[in-house]
Amino acid sequence: MLTVETHAATPWPDTLDWEARAAEAVAAALALTPYAGLTDAAPLVEVAVRLTDDAEVHQLNRDFRGKDKPTNVLSFPQVQDDLLEGLANSDAKEALGGEILLGDIVLARETCAREAEEKGISLEDHATHLIVHGTLHLVGYDHMDDASASAMEALEVKALASLGLANPYADEI
């Protein structure tokens, strides 16, 4: 069973049930991956989403990625890529105590708001895209080369469409 814990460390707009939106975004992303079964799996599968500010994300980005600036979203996978495929294995579930923490996703409010304004979309829709993006990182997707980026973007577009949201890359085509 998938659970998404959402914590707003700083004020984010209260026009949206962020916990519900984050859960929908994580589930939509996972549904398109080989790990779709985790959403209904017997072990508890958890993703933590932290809604915070640029200052906290700046510090995390500097400390963990060596980049001394804020960014829109950071993902911190807790399951090594080579162990992801084994999550469906009952022995792996038992070894993990029946609980799997896929990882943490952290969003920076000011950067997300600025990007949303530049794109002419709502903060809520942009943050949803970034939660989908972050979830894909938690299960091993990346955008380090053109082929990987294209594959990851295609999954993001499909996940967002399933939530009724527009293609965030439409202007780049």
N, C-alpha and C. Protein backbone atom coordinates (compact mmCIF):
# COMPACT_ATOMS: atom_id res chain seq x y z
N MET A 1 0.84 -1.17 0.00
CA MET A 1 0.00 0.00 0.00
C MET A 1 0.89 1.24 0.00
N LEU A 2 0.58 2.18 -0.86
CA LEU A 2 1.35 3.41 -0.98
C LEU A 2 0.81 4.45 -0.01
N THR A 3 1.73 5.07 0.71
CA THR A 3 1.36 6.20 1.54
C THR A 3 2.32 7.34 1.23
N VAL A 4 1.77 8.54 1.13
CA VAL A 4 2.58 9.72 0.85
C VAL A 4 2.38 10.67 2.02
N GLU A 5 3.45 10.92 2.72
CA GLU A 5 3.42 11.85 3.86
C GLU A 5 3.88 13.20 3.36
N THR A 6 3.07 14.21 3.56
CA THR A 6 3.40 15.55 3.10
C THR A 6 3.54 16.47 4.30
N HIS A 7 4.62 17.25 4.29
CA HIS A 7 4.87 18.19 5.37
C HIS A 7 5.21 19.54 4.78
N ALA A 8 4.44 20.55 5.14
CA ALA A 8 4.73 21.92 4.70
C ALA A 8 5.55 22.60 5.77
N ALA A 9 6.83 22.79 5.50
CA ALA A 9 7.74 23.42 6.45
C ALA A 9 7.57 24.93 6.45
N THR A 10 7.12 25.46 5.35
CA THR A 10 6.86 26.89 5.24
C THR A 10 5.49 27.05 4.57
N PRO A 11 4.90 28.20 4.69
CA PRO A 11 3.56 28.37 4.10
C PRO A 11 3.53 28.20 2.59
N TRP A 12 2.70 27.30 2.15
CA TRP A 12 2.40 27.12 0.74
C TRP A 12 0.93 27.51 0.59
N PRO A 13 0.49 27.90 -0.60
CA PRO A 13 -0.92 28.31 -0.75
C PRO A 13 -1.86 27.23 -0.24
N ASP A 14 -2.87 27.65 0.52
CA ASP A 14 -3.80 26.68 1.10
C ASP A 14 -5.03 26.45 0.23
N THR A 15 -4.91 26.79 -1.05
CA THR A 15 -6.02 26.59 -1.98
C THR A 15 -6.12 25.14 -2.44
N LEU A 16 -5.18 24.32 -2.00
CA LEU A 16 -5.11 22.94 -2.46
C LEU A 16 -4.84 22.02 -1.29
N ASP A 17 -5.41 20.83 -1.34
CA ASP A 17 -5.08 19.78 -0.38
C ASP A 17 -3.78 19.14 -0.88
N TRP A 18 -2.66 19.66 -0.38
CA TRP A 18 -1.35 19.23 -0.86
C TRP A 18 -1.10 17.75 -0.61
N GLU A 19 -1.59 17.23 0.51
CA GLU A 19 -1.38 15.81 0.80
C GLU A 19 -2.06 14.94 -0.26
N ALA A 20 -3.29 15.29 -0.61
CA ALA A 20 -4.01 14.53 -1.63
C ALA A 20 -3.35 14.68 -2.99
N ARG A 21 -2.94 15.91 -3.34
CA ARG A 21 -2.30 16.14 -4.64
C ARG A 21 -0.98 15.38 -4.74
N ALA A 22 -0.20 15.42 -3.68
CA ALA A 22 1.08 14.71 -3.70
C ALA A 22 0.85 13.21 -3.87
N ALA A 23 -0.13 12.66 -3.15
CA ALA A 23 -0.44 11.23 -3.26
C ALA A 23 -0.86 10.88 -4.69
N GLU A 24 -1.67 11.72 -5.31
CA GLU A 24 -2.11 11.48 -6.69
C GLU A 24 -0.92 11.53 -7.65
N ALA A 25 -0.05 12.50 -7.45
CA ALA A 25 1.10 12.67 -8.34
C ALA A 25 2.08 11.50 -8.23
N VAL A 26 2.35 11.07 -7.00
CA VAL A 26 3.26 9.93 -6.80
C VAL A 26 2.66 8.67 -7.41
N ALA A 27 1.39 8.42 -7.16
CA ALA A 27 0.73 7.23 -7.71
C ALA A 27 0.70 7.26 -9.24
N ALA A 28 0.44 8.43 -9.82
CA ALA A 28 0.39 8.55 -11.28
C ALA A 28 1.76 8.26 -11.89
N ALA A 29 2.82 8.74 -11.25
CA ALA A 29 4.16 8.48 -11.76
C ALA A 29 4.52 7.00 -11.64
N LEU A 30 4.29 6.43 -10.47
CA LEU A 30 4.63 5.02 -10.26
C LEU A 30 3.86 4.11 -11.21
N ALA A 31 2.62 4.46 -11.52
CA ALA A 31 1.77 3.63 -12.37
C ALA A 31 2.37 3.38 -13.74
N LEU A 32 3.26 4.26 -14.18
CA LEU A 32 3.84 4.15 -15.52
C LEU A 32 5.21 3.48 -15.53
N THR A 33 5.63 2.99 -14.38
CA THR A 33 6.95 2.39 -14.26
C THR A 33 6.82 0.89 -14.00
N PRO A 34 7.94 0.18 -14.05
CA PRO A 34 7.90 -1.25 -13.69
C PRO A 34 7.54 -1.47 -12.21
N TYR A 35 7.46 -0.40 -11.45
CA TYR A 35 7.18 -0.51 -10.01
C TYR A 35 5.74 -0.14 -9.67
N ALA A 36 4.88 -0.19 -10.66
CA ALA A 36 3.46 0.16 -10.47
C ALA A 36 2.83 -0.67 -9.37
N GLY A 37 3.25 -1.92 -9.24
CA GLY A 37 2.69 -2.81 -8.23
C GLY A 37 2.93 -2.34 -6.80
N LEU A 38 3.86 -1.45 -6.60
CA LEU A 38 4.14 -0.97 -5.25
C LEU A 38 2.97 -0.19 -4.65
N THR A 39 2.14 0.40 -5.51
CA THR A 39 1.02 1.18 -4.98
C THR A 39 0.00 0.30 -4.27
N ASP A 40 -0.07 -0.97 -4.66
CA ASP A 40 -1.02 -1.90 -4.04
C ASP A 40 -0.32 -3.03 -3.31
N ALA A 41 0.98 -2.92 -3.12
CA ALA A 41 1.76 -4.00 -2.53
C ALA A 41 1.41 -4.20 -1.05
N ALA A 42 1.67 -5.40 -0.58
CA ALA A 42 1.41 -5.72 0.82
C ALA A 42 2.27 -4.89 1.78
N PRO A 43 3.54 -4.66 1.47
CA PRO A 43 4.29 -3.84 2.43
C PRO A 43 3.85 -2.38 2.31
N LEU A 44 4.07 -1.66 3.35
CA LEU A 44 3.82 -0.23 3.33
C LEU A 44 4.93 0.41 2.51
N VAL A 45 4.57 1.14 1.47
CA VAL A 45 5.52 1.84 0.63
C VAL A 45 5.30 3.32 0.87
N GLU A 46 6.36 4.01 1.31
CA GLU A 46 6.20 5.41 1.69
C GLU A 46 7.09 6.33 0.88
N VAL A 47 6.52 7.47 0.53
CA VAL A 47 7.25 8.57 -0.07
C VAL A 47 6.95 9.78 0.80
N ALA A 48 7.98 10.52 1.14
CA ALA A 48 7.80 11.75 1.93
C ALA A 48 7.98 12.94 1.00
N VAL A 49 7.04 13.88 1.07
CA VAL A 49 7.11 15.11 0.28
C VAL A 49 7.20 16.28 1.25
N ARG A 50 8.25 17.07 1.09
CA ARG A 50 8.45 18.23 1.96
C ARG A 50 8.29 19.49 1.12
N LEU A 51 7.36 20.32 1.52
CA LEU A 51 7.12 21.61 0.87
C LEU A 51 7.81 22.66 1.72
N THR A 52 8.85 23.26 1.19
CA THR A 52 9.65 24.18 2.00
C THR A 52 10.01 25.41 1.19
N ASP A 53 11.09 26.07 1.55
CA ASP A 53 11.46 27.31 0.89
C ASP A 53 12.83 27.19 0.22
N ASP A 54 13.19 28.25 -0.51
CA ASP A 54 14.46 28.26 -1.22
C ASP A 54 15.66 28.10 -0.29
N ALA A 55 15.59 28.71 0.89
CA ALA A 55 16.73 28.65 1.81
C ALA A 55 17.06 27.21 2.20
N GLU A 56 16.04 26.43 2.55
CA GLU A 56 16.29 25.04 2.94
C GLU A 56 16.78 24.21 1.75
N VAL A 57 16.15 24.39 0.60
CA VAL A 57 16.56 23.64 -0.58
C VAL A 57 17.97 24.04 -1.02
N HIS A 58 18.29 25.32 -0.89
CA HIS A 58 19.65 25.79 -1.20
C HIS A 58 20.66 25.03 -0.34
N GLN A 59 20.40 24.95 0.94
CA GLN A 59 21.31 24.25 1.85
C GLN A 59 21.42 22.77 1.50
N LEU A 60 20.29 22.13 1.23
CA LEU A 60 20.31 20.71 0.85
C LEU A 60 21.06 20.50 -0.46
N ASN A 61 20.82 21.37 -1.42
CA ASN A 61 21.47 21.27 -2.72
C ASN A 61 22.99 21.43 -2.58
N ARG A 62 23.40 22.35 -1.72
CA ARG A 62 24.83 22.57 -1.47
C ARG A 62 25.44 21.37 -0.75
N ASP A 63 24.76 20.92 0.31
CA ASP A 63 25.30 19.85 1.14
C ASP A 63 25.33 18.49 0.45
N PHE A 64 24.32 18.19 -0.36
CA PHE A 64 24.22 16.85 -0.94
C PHE A 64 24.60 16.77 -2.42
N ARG A 65 24.55 17.90 -3.12
CA ARG A 65 24.87 17.86 -4.55
C ARG A 65 26.04 18.76 -4.93
N GLY A 66 26.54 19.53 -3.94
CA GLY A 66 27.66 20.41 -4.22
C GLY A 66 27.30 21.60 -5.09
N LYS A 67 26.01 21.94 -5.16
CA LYS A 67 25.55 23.07 -5.97
C LYS A 67 25.05 24.15 -5.03
N ASP A 68 25.73 25.28 -5.01
CA ASP A 68 25.47 26.34 -4.03
C ASP A 68 24.39 27.30 -4.52
N LYS A 69 23.19 26.75 -4.72
CA LYS A 69 22.04 27.55 -5.15
C LYS A 69 20.77 26.75 -4.90
N PRO A 70 19.65 27.45 -4.82
CA PRO A 70 18.39 26.70 -4.69
C PRO A 70 18.03 26.07 -6.03
N THR A 71 17.15 25.12 -5.99
CA THR A 71 16.61 24.48 -7.20
C THR A 71 15.13 24.23 -6.91
N ASN A 72 14.39 23.82 -7.92
CA ASN A 72 12.95 23.63 -7.72
C ASN A 72 12.61 22.38 -6.92
N VAL A 73 13.28 21.27 -7.21
CA VAL A 73 12.96 20.01 -6.54
C VAL A 73 14.23 19.18 -6.35
N LEU A 74 14.29 18.51 -5.23
CA LEU A 74 15.35 17.55 -4.96
C LEU A 74 14.70 16.22 -4.60
N SER A 75 15.33 15.15 -5.03
CA SER A 75 14.87 13.80 -4.68
C SER A 75 15.99 13.08 -3.96
N PHE A 76 15.60 12.37 -2.92
CA PHE A 76 16.57 11.60 -2.14
C PHE A 76 16.10 10.15 -2.08
N PRO A 77 16.49 9.34 -3.07
CA PRO A 77 16.10 7.92 -3.07
C PRO A 77 16.66 7.19 -1.86
N GLN A 78 15.89 6.29 -1.32
CA GLN A 78 16.32 5.49 -0.17
C GLN A 78 16.56 4.03 -0.54
N VAL A 79 16.19 3.66 -1.76
CA VAL A 79 16.40 2.29 -2.24
C VAL A 79 17.37 2.37 -3.41
N GLN A 80 18.46 1.64 -3.32
CA GLN A 80 19.45 1.63 -4.39
C GLN A 80 18.82 1.10 -5.67
N ASP A 81 19.26 1.67 -6.80
CA ASP A 81 18.72 1.26 -8.09
C ASP A 81 18.75 -0.25 -8.30
N ASP A 82 19.84 -0.90 -7.91
CA ASP A 82 19.97 -2.33 -8.15
C ASP A 82 19.05 -3.16 -7.25
N LEU A 83 18.48 -2.55 -6.21
CA LEU A 83 17.55 -3.26 -5.33
C LEU A 83 16.09 -3.02 -5.67
N LEU A 84 15.82 -2.04 -6.53
CA LEU A 84 14.44 -1.70 -6.87
C LEU A 84 13.67 -2.90 -7.44
N GLU A 85 14.31 -3.62 -8.37
CA GLU A 85 13.62 -4.75 -9.00
C GLU A 85 13.25 -5.83 -8.00
N GLY A 86 14.02 -5.97 -6.95
CA GLY A 86 13.75 -6.98 -5.94
C GLY A 86 12.64 -6.63 -4.98
N LEU A 87 12.10 -5.42 -5.08
CA LEU A 87 11.05 -5.01 -4.14
C LEU A 87 9.79 -5.87 -4.25
N ALA A 88 9.59 -6.45 -5.40
CA ALA A 88 8.41 -7.32 -5.56
C ALA A 88 8.63 -8.68 -4.93
N ASN A 89 9.85 -8.99 -4.60
CA ASN A 89 10.21 -10.28 -4.01
C ASN A 89 9.81 -10.32 -2.54
N SER A 90 9.13 -11.37 -2.12
CA SER A 90 8.65 -11.45 -0.74
C SER A 90 9.80 -11.50 0.26
N ASP A 91 10.95 -12.08 -0.12
CA ASP A 91 12.10 -12.10 0.79
C ASP A 91 12.62 -10.69 1.03
N ALA A 92 12.61 -9.88 -0.02
CA ALA A 92 13.07 -8.49 0.13
C ALA A 92 12.13 -7.73 1.05
N LYS A 93 10.83 -7.98 0.92
CA LYS A 93 9.86 -7.30 1.78
C LYS A 93 10.09 -7.66 3.25
N GLU A 94 10.34 -8.94 3.50
CA GLU A 94 10.57 -9.37 4.87
C GLU A 94 11.85 -8.75 5.43
N ALA A 95 12.88 -8.66 4.59
CA ALA A 95 14.15 -8.08 5.04
C ALA A 95 13.98 -6.61 5.38
N LEU A 96 13.04 -5.96 4.73
CA LEU A 96 12.79 -4.54 5.00
C LEU A 96 11.74 -4.35 6.09
N GLY A 97 11.32 -5.42 6.71
CA GLY A 97 10.34 -5.31 7.79
C GLY A 97 8.95 -5.00 7.29
N GLY A 98 8.69 -5.28 6.03
CA GLY A 98 7.36 -5.03 5.49
C GLY A 98 7.12 -3.57 5.15
N GLU A 99 8.12 -2.71 5.34
CA GLU A 99 7.98 -1.30 4.99
C GLU A 99 9.09 -0.90 4.05
N ILE A 100 8.74 -0.11 3.06
CA ILE A 100 9.71 0.36 2.09
C ILE A 100 9.60 1.88 2.02
N LEU A 101 10.67 2.56 2.37
CA LEU A 101 10.73 4.00 2.21
C LEU A 101 11.44 4.26 0.88
N LEU A 102 10.65 4.64 -0.14
CA LEU A 102 11.25 4.91 -1.45
C LEU A 102 12.15 6.12 -1.40
N GLY A 103 11.75 7.14 -0.63
CA GLY A 103 12.60 8.31 -0.52
C GLY A 103 11.83 9.58 -0.24
N ASP A 104 12.57 10.69 -0.33
CA ASP A 104 12.04 12.01 -0.02
C ASP A 104 12.10 12.90 -1.26
N ILE A 105 11.09 13.75 -1.39
CA ILE A 105 11.03 14.75 -2.44
C ILE A 105 10.87 16.09 -1.73
N VAL A 106 11.70 17.05 -2.09
CA VAL A 106 11.68 18.36 -1.43
C VAL A 106 11.50 19.44 -2.48
N LEU A 107 10.48 20.30 -2.29
CA LEU A 107 10.20 21.39 -3.23
C LEU A 107 10.43 22.74 -2.57
N ALA A 108 10.99 23.67 -3.35
CA ALA A 108 11.27 25.03 -2.89
C ALA A 108 10.19 25.99 -3.40
N ARG A 109 9.44 26.57 -2.49
CA ARG A 109 8.28 27.40 -2.84
C ARG A 109 8.63 28.57 -3.75
N GLU A 110 9.63 29.38 -3.40
CA GLU A 110 9.92 30.57 -4.20
C GLU A 110 10.35 30.21 -5.62
N THR A 111 11.22 29.23 -5.76
CA THR A 111 11.66 28.82 -7.09
C THR A 111 10.49 28.24 -7.88
N CYS A 112 9.69 27.40 -7.24
CA CYS A 112 8.53 26.82 -7.93
C CYS A 112 7.55 27.91 -8.36
N ALA A 113 7.30 28.88 -7.49
CA ALA A 113 6.37 29.97 -7.81
C ALA A 113 6.89 30.81 -8.97
N ARG A 114 8.18 31.12 -8.96
CA ARG A 114 8.78 31.91 -10.03
C ARG A 114 8.69 31.16 -11.37
N GLU A 115 9.02 29.88 -11.35
CA GLU A 115 8.96 29.09 -12.58
C GLU A 115 7.52 28.98 -13.09
N ALA A 116 6.58 28.78 -12.19
CA ALA A 116 5.17 28.68 -12.59
C ALA A 116 4.72 29.97 -13.25
N GLU A 117 5.11 31.10 -12.66
CA GLU A 117 4.74 32.40 -13.24
C GLU A 117 5.35 32.56 -14.63
N GLU A 118 6.62 32.19 -14.78
CA GLU A 118 7.29 32.28 -16.07
C GLU A 118 6.61 31.41 -17.13
N LYS A 119 6.09 30.26 -16.70
CA LYS A 119 5.42 29.33 -17.62
C LYS A 119 3.95 29.69 -17.83
N GLY A 120 3.42 30.58 -17.00
CA GLY A 120 2.02 30.96 -17.11
C GLY A 120 1.07 29.88 -16.61
N ILE A 121 1.52 29.12 -15.61
CA ILE A 121 0.68 28.07 -15.04
C ILE A 121 0.58 28.29 -13.53
N SER A 122 -0.30 27.56 -12.90
CA SER A 122 -0.46 27.69 -11.46
C SER A 122 0.68 27.02 -10.71
N LEU A 123 0.96 27.52 -9.53
CA LEU A 123 1.96 26.90 -8.67
C LEU A 123 1.56 25.45 -8.40
N GLU A 124 0.29 25.21 -8.18
CA GLU A 124 -0.19 23.86 -7.87
C GLU A 124 0.13 22.89 -9.01
N ASP A 125 -0.12 23.31 -10.26
CA ASP A 125 0.16 22.44 -11.40
C ASP A 125 1.66 22.21 -11.57
N HIS A 126 2.45 23.26 -11.39
CA HIS A 126 3.89 23.12 -11.54
C HIS A 126 4.46 22.21 -10.45
N ALA A 127 4.00 22.41 -9.22
CA ALA A 127 4.47 21.56 -8.12
C ALA A 127 4.07 20.10 -8.36
N THR A 128 2.89 19.88 -8.91
CA THR A 128 2.46 18.51 -9.22
C THR A 128 3.43 17.89 -10.22
N HIS A 129 3.79 18.64 -11.24
CA HIS A 129 4.77 18.15 -12.22
C HIS A 129 6.08 17.79 -11.52
N LEU A 130 6.52 18.64 -10.62
CA LEU A 130 7.80 18.39 -9.95
C LEU A 130 7.72 17.19 -9.00
N ILE A 131 6.56 16.94 -8.42
CA ILE A 131 6.40 15.74 -7.58
C ILE A 131 6.45 14.49 -8.46
N VAL A 132 5.82 14.53 -9.63
CA VAL A 132 5.91 13.42 -10.58
C VAL A 132 7.38 13.22 -10.97
N HIS A 133 8.04 14.29 -11.32
CA HIS A 133 9.45 14.25 -11.71
C HIS A 133 10.31 13.64 -10.59
N GLY A 134 10.09 14.13 -9.37
CA GLY A 134 10.84 13.63 -8.22
C GLY A 134 10.59 12.16 -7.96
N THR A 135 9.35 11.73 -8.13
CA THR A 135 9.01 10.32 -7.92
C THR A 135 9.76 9.44 -8.91
N LEU A 136 9.83 9.87 -10.15
CA LEU A 136 10.57 9.08 -11.15
C LEU A 136 12.04 8.96 -10.77
N HIS A 137 12.61 10.02 -10.22
CA HIS A 137 13.99 9.93 -9.73
C HIS A 137 14.11 8.89 -8.61
N LEU A 138 13.09 8.81 -7.75
CA LEU A 138 13.16 7.85 -6.64
C LEU A 138 13.23 6.41 -7.12
N VAL A 139 12.69 6.15 -8.31
CA VAL A 139 12.71 4.77 -8.83
C VAL A 139 13.70 4.61 -9.99
N GLY A 140 14.73 5.46 -10.01
CA GLY A 140 15.86 5.23 -10.89
C GLY A 140 15.90 5.96 -12.21
N TYR A 141 14.91 6.76 -12.53
CA TYR A 141 14.95 7.50 -13.79
C TYR A 141 15.82 8.73 -13.62
N ASP A 142 16.46 9.14 -14.73
CA ASP A 142 17.26 10.36 -14.69
C ASP A 142 17.17 11.06 -16.04
N HIS A 143 17.86 12.17 -16.15
CA HIS A 143 17.88 12.93 -17.40
C HIS A 143 19.30 13.41 -17.69
N MET A 144 20.24 12.48 -17.51
CA MET A 144 21.65 12.80 -17.68
C MET A 144 22.07 12.86 -19.15
N ASP A 145 21.31 12.23 -20.03
CA ASP A 145 21.61 12.31 -21.46
C ASP A 145 20.28 12.49 -22.20
N ASP A 146 20.36 12.79 -23.48
CA ASP A 146 19.15 13.09 -24.25
C ASP A 146 18.14 11.95 -24.26
N ALA A 147 18.62 10.73 -24.41
CA ALA A 147 17.70 9.58 -24.47
C ALA A 147 16.99 9.39 -23.13
N SER A 148 17.74 9.48 -22.03
CA SER A 148 17.14 9.34 -20.70
C SER A 148 16.17 10.48 -20.43
N ALA A 149 16.54 11.68 -20.82
CA ALA A 149 15.68 12.84 -20.61
C ALA A 149 14.37 12.69 -21.39
N SER A 150 14.46 12.25 -22.63
CA SER A 150 13.26 12.06 -23.44
C SER A 150 12.34 11.01 -22.85
N ALA A 151 12.92 9.92 -22.39
CA ALA A 151 12.11 8.84 -21.79
C ALA A 151 11.43 9.33 -20.51
N MET A 152 12.17 10.04 -19.69
CA MET A 152 11.62 10.53 -18.43
C MET A 152 10.53 11.57 -18.69
N GLU A 153 10.77 12.48 -19.62
CA GLU A 153 9.77 13.50 -19.96
C GLU A 153 8.50 12.87 -20.49
N ALA A 154 8.63 11.82 -21.30
CA ALA A 154 7.44 11.14 -21.84
C ALA A 154 6.59 10.56 -20.70
N LEU A 155 7.25 9.97 -19.71
CA LEU A 155 6.51 9.44 -18.56
C LEU A 155 5.84 10.56 -17.77
N GLU A 156 6.55 11.67 -17.60
CA GLU A 156 5.97 12.81 -16.89
C GLU A 156 4.72 13.31 -17.60
N VAL A 157 4.79 13.45 -18.92
CA VAL A 157 3.66 13.94 -19.70
C VAL A 157 2.46 13.01 -19.54
N LYS A 158 2.69 11.70 -19.60
CA LYS A 158 1.61 10.72 -19.45
C LYS A 158 1.02 10.77 -18.04
N ALA A 159 1.87 10.85 -17.04
CA ALA A 159 1.38 10.91 -15.65
C ALA A 159 0.54 12.16 -15.44
N LEU A 160 1.03 13.29 -15.92
CA LEU A 160 0.28 14.54 -15.76
C LEU A 160 -1.03 14.51 -16.53
N ALA A 161 -1.03 13.92 -17.72
CA ALA A 161 -2.27 13.80 -18.49
C ALA A 161 -3.30 12.98 -17.73
N SER A 162 -2.83 11.95 -17.03
CA SER A 162 -3.76 11.11 -16.25
C SER A 162 -4.39 11.90 -15.10
N LEU A 163 -3.74 13.01 -14.72
CA LEU A 163 -4.27 13.88 -13.66
C LEU A 163 -5.01 15.09 -14.25
N GLY A 164 -5.14 15.11 -15.58
CA GLY A 164 -5.83 16.22 -16.24
C GLY A 164 -4.99 17.47 -16.41
N LEU A 165 -3.66 17.31 -16.36
CA LEU A 165 -2.77 18.46 -16.49
C LEU A 165 -2.07 18.46 -17.85
N ALA A 166 -1.77 19.66 -18.31
CA ALA A 166 -1.17 19.85 -19.63
C ALA A 166 0.29 19.40 -19.67
N ASN A 167 0.76 19.18 -20.88
CA ASN A 167 2.15 18.82 -21.14
C ASN A 167 3.05 20.00 -20.76
N PRO A 168 3.90 19.83 -19.77
CA PRO A 168 4.77 20.94 -19.35
C PRO A 168 5.89 21.24 -20.35
N TYR A 169 6.09 20.35 -21.30
CA TYR A 169 7.16 20.51 -22.28
C TYR A 169 6.64 20.96 -23.64
N ALA A 170 5.35 21.27 -23.75
CA ALA A 170 4.74 21.61 -25.03
C ALA A 170 5.43 22.79 -25.71
N ASP A 171 5.87 23.76 -24.93
CA ASP A 171 6.51 24.93 -25.51
C ASP A 171 7.91 24.65 -26.02
N GLU A 172 8.49 23.52 -25.62
CA GLU A 172 9.86 23.18 -26.00
C GLU A 172 9.92 22.38 -27.29
N ILE A 173 8.76 21.98 -27.78
CA ILE A 173 8.72 21.13 -28.99
C ILE A 173 8.83 21.96 -30.23
